[in-house]
């Protein structure tokens, strides 16, 4: 895209993440189990990740899955703003990122996501 990055407060970005979550099909959200959404400015690894899923995918949870911390889906504010030109772009980009990370929660890898048109 290469425009001017969107300037946006963390508060506004978090509101847009909420709006993006509203775009995710309710059936999908209702299937999620033990997951929290977080917003951070950037990945601690210093890369340009837009989002990150950390946890145990549903497909990998056995009978002994209990008493564990929630899975985390983190949306990174600054890299997202760098690839967007408008607030609408931010909502769209965050929605795509959220679906992408939710897919990992369901055990769907990047290759399959690409096949499904979500890459």
N, C-alpha and C. Protein backbone atom coordinates (compact mmCIF):
# COMPACT_ATOMS: atom_id res chain seq x y z
N UNK A 1 0.83 -1.20 0.00
CA UNK A 1 0.00 0.00 0.00
C UNK A 1 0.86 1.25 0.00
N UNK A 2 1.73 1.35 1.01
CA UNK A 2 2.73 2.40 0.99
C UNK A 2 2.23 3.82 1.09
N UNK A 3 1.16 4.07 1.80
CA UNK A 3 0.73 5.44 2.04
C UNK A 3 1.35 5.95 3.32
N UNK A 4 0.72 6.93 3.89
CA UNK A 4 1.16 7.44 5.18
C UNK A 4 0.51 6.58 6.25
N UNK A 5 1.28 6.06 7.21
CA UNK A 5 0.66 5.24 8.26
C UNK A 5 -0.42 6.03 9.00
N UNK A 6 -1.43 5.31 9.42
CA UNK A 6 -2.52 5.94 10.17
C UNK A 6 -2.03 6.29 11.57
N UNK A 7 -2.28 7.53 11.98
CA UNK A 7 -1.99 7.93 13.36
C UNK A 7 -3.22 7.60 14.20
N UNK A 8 -3.00 6.89 15.31
CA UNK A 8 -4.16 6.48 16.08
C UNK A 8 -3.75 6.15 17.50
N UNK A 9 -4.55 6.60 18.45
CA UNK A 9 -4.28 6.30 19.85
C UNK A 9 -4.52 4.82 20.12
N UNK A 10 -3.92 4.33 21.17
CA UNK A 10 -4.13 2.95 21.56
C UNK A 10 -5.61 2.70 21.88
N UNK A 11 -6.25 3.69 22.54
CA UNK A 11 -7.66 3.55 22.90
C UNK A 11 -8.52 3.38 21.65
N UNK A 12 -8.27 4.22 20.65
CA UNK A 12 -9.05 4.14 19.41
C UNK A 12 -8.78 2.81 18.71
N UNK A 13 -7.52 2.39 18.71
CA UNK A 13 -7.17 1.12 18.08
C UNK A 13 -7.92 -0.03 18.76
N UNK A 14 -7.97 0.01 20.10
CA UNK A 14 -8.68 -1.05 20.83
C UNK A 14 -10.17 -1.05 20.48
N UNK A 15 -10.74 0.15 20.29
CA UNK A 15 -12.14 0.23 19.86
C UNK A 15 -12.32 -0.44 18.50
N UNK A 16 -11.37 -0.19 17.60
CA UNK A 16 -11.46 -0.78 16.26
C UNK A 16 -11.26 -2.29 16.30
N UNK A 17 -10.44 -2.76 17.22
CA UNK A 17 -10.29 -4.22 17.40
C UNK A 17 -11.65 -4.80 17.82
N UNK A 18 -12.34 -4.09 18.72
CA UNK A 18 -13.69 -4.51 19.12
C UNK A 18 -14.63 -4.56 17.93
N UNK A 19 -14.56 -3.53 17.08
CA UNK A 19 -15.40 -3.51 15.88
C UNK A 19 -15.04 -4.66 14.94
N UNK A 20 -13.75 -4.94 14.83
CA UNK A 20 -13.30 -6.03 13.97
C UNK A 20 -13.81 -7.37 14.51
N UNK A 21 -13.81 -7.52 15.84
CA UNK A 21 -14.33 -8.76 16.43
C UNK A 21 -15.82 -8.91 16.12
N UNK A 22 -16.53 -7.79 16.04
CA UNK A 22 -17.95 -7.83 15.69
C UNK A 22 -18.15 -8.35 14.26
N UNK A 23 -17.11 -8.20 13.41
CA UNK A 23 -17.19 -8.66 12.03
C UNK A 23 -16.99 -10.17 11.91
N UNK A 24 -16.39 -10.76 12.94
CA UNK A 24 -16.11 -12.19 12.91
C UNK A 24 -17.44 -12.93 13.12
N UNK A 25 -17.71 -13.93 12.29
CA UNK A 25 -18.99 -14.65 12.44
C UNK A 25 -19.18 -15.16 13.87
N UNK A 26 -20.38 -14.94 14.40
CA UNK A 26 -20.69 -15.31 15.78
C UNK A 26 -20.50 -16.81 16.00
N UNK A 27 -20.80 -17.61 14.97
CA UNK A 27 -20.65 -19.06 15.10
C UNK A 27 -19.19 -19.42 15.39
N UNK A 28 -18.28 -18.67 14.76
CA UNK A 28 -16.87 -18.92 14.94
C UNK A 28 -16.45 -18.56 16.36
N UNK A 29 -16.86 -17.36 16.80
CA UNK A 29 -16.50 -16.93 18.15
C UNK A 29 -17.08 -17.86 19.21
N UNK A 30 -18.29 -18.38 18.97
CA UNK A 30 -18.92 -19.23 19.98
C UNK A 30 -18.21 -20.57 20.11
N UNK A 31 -17.45 -20.96 19.10
CA UNK A 31 -16.72 -22.23 19.16
C UNK A 31 -15.38 -22.10 19.87
N UNK A 32 -14.95 -20.86 20.08
CA UNK A 32 -13.66 -20.65 20.72
C UNK A 32 -13.76 -21.01 22.20
N UNK A 33 -12.65 -21.49 22.73
CA UNK A 33 -12.66 -21.95 24.10
C UNK A 33 -11.41 -21.49 24.81
N UNK A 34 -11.58 -20.74 25.91
CA UNK A 34 -10.45 -20.34 26.75
C UNK A 34 -9.45 -19.48 25.98
N UNK A 35 -9.93 -18.37 25.42
CA UNK A 35 -9.08 -17.47 24.63
C UNK A 35 -9.29 -16.04 25.08
N UNK A 36 -8.20 -15.28 25.19
CA UNK A 36 -8.30 -13.84 25.46
C UNK A 36 -7.66 -13.08 24.29
N UNK A 37 -8.17 -11.88 24.04
CA UNK A 37 -7.61 -11.00 23.02
C UNK A 37 -6.84 -9.88 23.71
N UNK A 38 -5.65 -9.60 23.22
CA UNK A 38 -4.81 -8.54 23.78
C UNK A 38 -4.38 -7.60 22.65
N UNK A 39 -4.07 -6.37 23.02
CA UNK A 39 -3.50 -5.42 22.06
C UNK A 39 -2.15 -4.98 22.62
N UNK A 40 -1.13 -5.07 21.79
CA UNK A 40 0.21 -4.57 22.15
C UNK A 40 0.68 -3.66 21.03
N UNK A 41 1.66 -2.81 21.34
CA UNK A 41 2.16 -1.90 20.31
C UNK A 41 2.90 -2.65 19.21
N UNK A 42 3.75 -3.61 19.60
CA UNK A 42 4.53 -4.35 18.60
C UNK A 42 5.01 -5.65 19.21
N UNK A 43 5.39 -6.57 18.36
CA UNK A 43 5.93 -7.85 18.81
C UNK A 43 7.25 -7.63 19.52
N UNK A 44 7.47 -8.32 20.64
CA UNK A 44 8.76 -8.18 21.35
C UNK A 44 9.95 -8.64 20.50
N UNK A 45 9.66 -9.46 19.49
CA UNK A 45 10.73 -9.93 18.60
C UNK A 45 11.16 -8.87 17.60
N UNK A 46 10.42 -7.74 17.57
CA UNK A 46 10.80 -6.64 16.70
C UNK A 46 10.44 -6.84 15.24
N UNK A 47 9.68 -7.91 14.94
CA UNK A 47 9.31 -8.10 13.54
C UNK A 47 8.00 -7.38 13.25
N UNK A 48 7.51 -7.55 12.05
CA UNK A 48 6.32 -6.82 11.61
C UNK A 48 5.05 -7.64 11.72
N UNK A 49 5.01 -8.56 12.67
CA UNK A 49 3.79 -9.36 12.86
C UNK A 49 2.60 -8.46 13.13
N UNK A 50 1.46 -8.79 12.52
CA UNK A 50 0.23 -8.06 12.79
C UNK A 50 -0.52 -8.70 13.94
N UNK A 51 -0.33 -10.01 14.10
CA UNK A 51 -1.01 -10.72 15.17
C UNK A 51 -0.27 -11.99 15.51
N UNK A 52 -0.59 -12.54 16.68
CA UNK A 52 0.08 -13.75 17.13
C UNK A 52 -0.88 -14.58 17.96
N UNK A 53 -0.90 -15.88 17.67
CA UNK A 53 -1.68 -16.83 18.48
C UNK A 53 -0.72 -17.62 19.34
N UNK A 54 -0.99 -17.67 20.64
CA UNK A 54 -0.18 -18.46 21.55
C UNK A 54 -1.11 -19.32 22.38
N UNK A 55 -0.85 -20.61 22.37
CA UNK A 55 -1.68 -21.49 23.17
C UNK A 55 -1.68 -22.90 22.62
N UNK A 56 -2.69 -23.65 23.01
CA UNK A 56 -2.85 -25.03 22.57
C UNK A 56 -4.07 -25.11 21.67
N UNK A 57 -3.83 -25.38 20.40
CA UNK A 57 -4.94 -25.45 19.45
C UNK A 57 -5.95 -26.49 19.90
N UNK A 58 -7.21 -26.24 19.57
CA UNK A 58 -8.27 -27.17 19.97
C UNK A 58 -7.97 -28.59 19.50
N UNK A 59 -7.36 -28.70 18.33
CA UNK A 59 -7.05 -30.02 17.77
C UNK A 59 -5.97 -30.75 18.55
N UNK A 60 -5.22 -30.00 19.39
CA UNK A 60 -4.13 -30.61 20.17
C UNK A 60 -4.49 -30.81 21.63
N UNK A 61 -5.72 -30.48 22.01
CA UNK A 61 -6.12 -30.61 23.40
C UNK A 61 -6.62 -32.01 23.67
N UNK A 62 -5.98 -32.66 24.63
CA UNK A 62 -6.39 -34.01 24.98
C UNK A 62 -7.28 -34.02 26.21
N UNK A 63 -7.53 -35.20 26.71
CA UNK A 63 -8.38 -35.36 27.89
C UNK A 63 -7.79 -34.66 29.10
N UNK A 64 -6.48 -34.44 29.08
CA UNK A 64 -5.80 -33.84 30.24
C UNK A 64 -5.72 -32.32 30.14
N UNK A 65 -6.39 -31.72 29.16
CA UNK A 65 -6.37 -30.26 29.01
C UNK A 65 -7.32 -29.66 30.04
N UNK A 66 -6.74 -29.09 31.09
CA UNK A 66 -7.57 -28.47 32.14
C UNK A 66 -6.68 -27.59 32.99
N UNK A 67 -7.28 -26.56 33.56
CA UNK A 67 -6.54 -25.71 34.48
C UNK A 67 -5.39 -24.95 33.85
N UNK A 68 -5.47 -24.71 32.56
CA UNK A 68 -4.38 -24.00 31.89
C UNK A 68 -4.77 -22.54 31.68
N UNK A 69 -3.77 -21.70 31.51
CA UNK A 69 -4.03 -20.30 31.20
C UNK A 69 -4.72 -20.21 29.85
N UNK A 70 -5.51 -19.16 29.65
CA UNK A 70 -6.18 -19.03 28.34
C UNK A 70 -5.17 -18.88 27.21
N UNK A 71 -5.57 -19.34 26.03
CA UNK A 71 -4.81 -19.03 24.83
C UNK A 71 -4.85 -17.51 24.67
N UNK A 72 -3.83 -16.99 24.00
CA UNK A 72 -3.79 -15.54 23.77
C UNK A 72 -3.72 -15.24 22.30
N UNK A 73 -4.54 -14.30 21.86
CA UNK A 73 -4.44 -13.75 20.52
C UNK A 73 -4.08 -12.28 20.71
N UNK A 74 -2.89 -11.92 20.25
CA UNK A 74 -2.41 -10.55 20.40
C UNK A 74 -2.46 -9.86 19.04
N UNK A 75 -3.02 -8.66 19.03
CA UNK A 75 -3.04 -7.84 17.83
C UNK A 75 -2.02 -6.72 18.05
N UNK A 76 -1.11 -6.54 17.10
CA UNK A 76 -0.05 -5.54 17.24
C UNK A 76 -0.43 -4.25 16.52
N UNK A 77 -0.48 -3.17 17.30
CA UNK A 77 -1.00 -1.89 16.82
C UNK A 77 -0.11 -1.22 15.77
N UNK A 78 1.17 -1.03 16.06
CA UNK A 78 2.03 -0.23 15.18
C UNK A 78 2.23 -0.88 13.80
N UNK A 79 2.54 -2.19 13.72
CA UNK A 79 2.67 -2.79 12.38
C UNK A 79 1.36 -2.72 11.60
N UNK A 80 0.23 -2.86 12.29
CA UNK A 80 -1.07 -2.78 11.60
C UNK A 80 -1.27 -1.38 11.04
N UNK A 81 -0.98 -0.36 11.85
CA UNK A 81 -1.16 1.01 11.37
C UNK A 81 -0.25 1.32 10.19
N UNK A 82 0.94 0.70 10.16
CA UNK A 82 1.88 0.95 9.06
C UNK A 82 1.35 0.47 7.71
N UNK A 83 0.49 -0.57 7.72
CA UNK A 83 0.02 -1.11 6.44
C UNK A 83 -1.36 -0.56 6.07
N UNK A 84 -1.87 0.39 6.84
CA UNK A 84 -3.21 0.92 6.60
C UNK A 84 -3.16 2.41 6.26
N UNK A 85 -4.15 2.85 5.49
CA UNK A 85 -4.25 4.26 5.12
C UNK A 85 -5.40 4.98 5.80
N UNK A 86 -6.42 4.23 6.22
CA UNK A 86 -7.60 4.84 6.83
C UNK A 86 -8.07 3.99 8.01
N UNK A 87 -8.98 4.53 8.81
CA UNK A 87 -9.54 3.75 9.92
C UNK A 87 -10.28 2.52 9.38
N UNK A 88 -10.96 2.68 8.24
CA UNK A 88 -11.66 1.53 7.64
C UNK A 88 -10.67 0.42 7.29
N UNK A 89 -9.50 0.82 6.77
CA UNK A 89 -8.46 -0.17 6.48
C UNK A 89 -8.06 -0.91 7.75
N UNK A 90 -7.96 -0.16 8.85
CA UNK A 90 -7.55 -0.76 10.13
C UNK A 90 -8.57 -1.81 10.56
N UNK A 91 -9.86 -1.47 10.48
CA UNK A 91 -10.90 -2.43 10.87
C UNK A 91 -10.79 -3.69 10.01
N UNK A 92 -10.62 -3.49 8.70
CA UNK A 92 -10.55 -4.63 7.78
C UNK A 92 -9.30 -5.48 8.07
N UNK A 93 -8.17 -4.81 8.24
CA UNK A 93 -6.91 -5.53 8.47
C UNK A 93 -6.96 -6.30 9.79
N UNK A 94 -7.50 -5.65 10.83
CA UNK A 94 -7.59 -6.32 12.13
C UNK A 94 -8.55 -7.51 12.04
N UNK A 95 -9.67 -7.35 11.32
CA UNK A 95 -10.62 -8.46 11.18
C UNK A 95 -9.95 -9.65 10.50
N UNK A 96 -9.17 -9.38 9.46
CA UNK A 96 -8.46 -10.45 8.76
C UNK A 96 -7.45 -11.11 9.70
N UNK A 97 -6.72 -10.28 10.45
CA UNK A 97 -5.71 -10.80 11.38
C UNK A 97 -6.38 -11.65 12.46
N UNK A 98 -7.50 -11.17 13.00
CA UNK A 98 -8.21 -11.91 14.05
C UNK A 98 -8.67 -13.27 13.51
N UNK A 99 -9.26 -13.28 12.32
CA UNK A 99 -9.71 -14.56 11.74
C UNK A 99 -8.51 -15.48 11.55
N UNK A 100 -7.41 -14.92 11.10
CA UNK A 100 -6.18 -15.67 10.89
C UNK A 100 -5.74 -16.35 12.19
N UNK A 101 -5.72 -15.58 13.29
CA UNK A 101 -5.25 -16.12 14.56
C UNK A 101 -6.27 -17.09 15.17
N UNK A 102 -7.57 -16.81 14.96
CA UNK A 102 -8.60 -17.74 15.42
C UNK A 102 -8.43 -19.08 14.69
N UNK A 103 -8.09 -19.01 13.41
CA UNK A 103 -7.87 -20.25 12.64
C UNK A 103 -6.78 -21.09 13.28
N UNK A 104 -5.72 -20.44 13.75
CA UNK A 104 -4.66 -21.20 14.43
C UNK A 104 -5.20 -21.85 15.70
N UNK A 105 -6.10 -21.15 16.41
CA UNK A 105 -6.75 -21.72 17.59
C UNK A 105 -7.48 -23.01 17.22
N UNK A 106 -8.05 -23.04 16.01
CA UNK A 106 -8.77 -24.23 15.54
C UNK A 106 -7.84 -25.25 14.88
N UNK A 107 -6.54 -24.97 14.87
CA UNK A 107 -5.59 -25.92 14.31
C UNK A 107 -5.41 -25.82 12.81
N UNK A 108 -5.83 -24.70 12.22
CA UNK A 108 -5.67 -24.49 10.78
C UNK A 108 -4.35 -23.74 10.55
N UNK A 109 -3.47 -24.30 9.74
CA UNK A 109 -2.16 -23.67 9.56
C UNK A 109 -2.18 -22.63 8.43
N UNK A 110 -1.06 -21.93 8.29
CA UNK A 110 -0.97 -20.85 7.30
C UNK A 110 -1.19 -21.35 5.88
N UNK A 111 -0.69 -22.55 5.59
CA UNK A 111 -0.86 -23.10 4.23
C UNK A 111 -2.34 -23.28 3.91
N UNK A 112 -3.09 -23.86 4.83
CA UNK A 112 -4.54 -24.08 4.60
C UNK A 112 -5.26 -22.73 4.53
N UNK A 113 -4.87 -21.77 5.37
CA UNK A 113 -5.49 -20.45 5.33
C UNK A 113 -5.29 -19.82 3.95
N UNK A 114 -4.09 -19.98 3.40
CA UNK A 114 -3.78 -19.45 2.08
C UNK A 114 -4.72 -20.07 1.04
N UNK A 115 -4.90 -21.39 1.14
CA UNK A 115 -5.81 -22.08 0.22
C UNK A 115 -7.23 -21.54 0.34
N UNK A 116 -7.62 -21.15 1.55
CA UNK A 116 -8.97 -20.65 1.78
C UNK A 116 -9.12 -19.17 1.44
N UNK A 117 -8.00 -18.53 1.04
CA UNK A 117 -8.05 -17.13 0.63
C UNK A 117 -7.90 -16.15 1.76
N UNK A 118 -7.36 -16.58 2.89
CA UNK A 118 -7.21 -15.69 4.05
C UNK A 118 -5.77 -15.28 4.29
N UNK A 119 -4.90 -15.49 3.33
CA UNK A 119 -3.48 -15.16 3.58
C UNK A 119 -3.19 -13.70 3.36
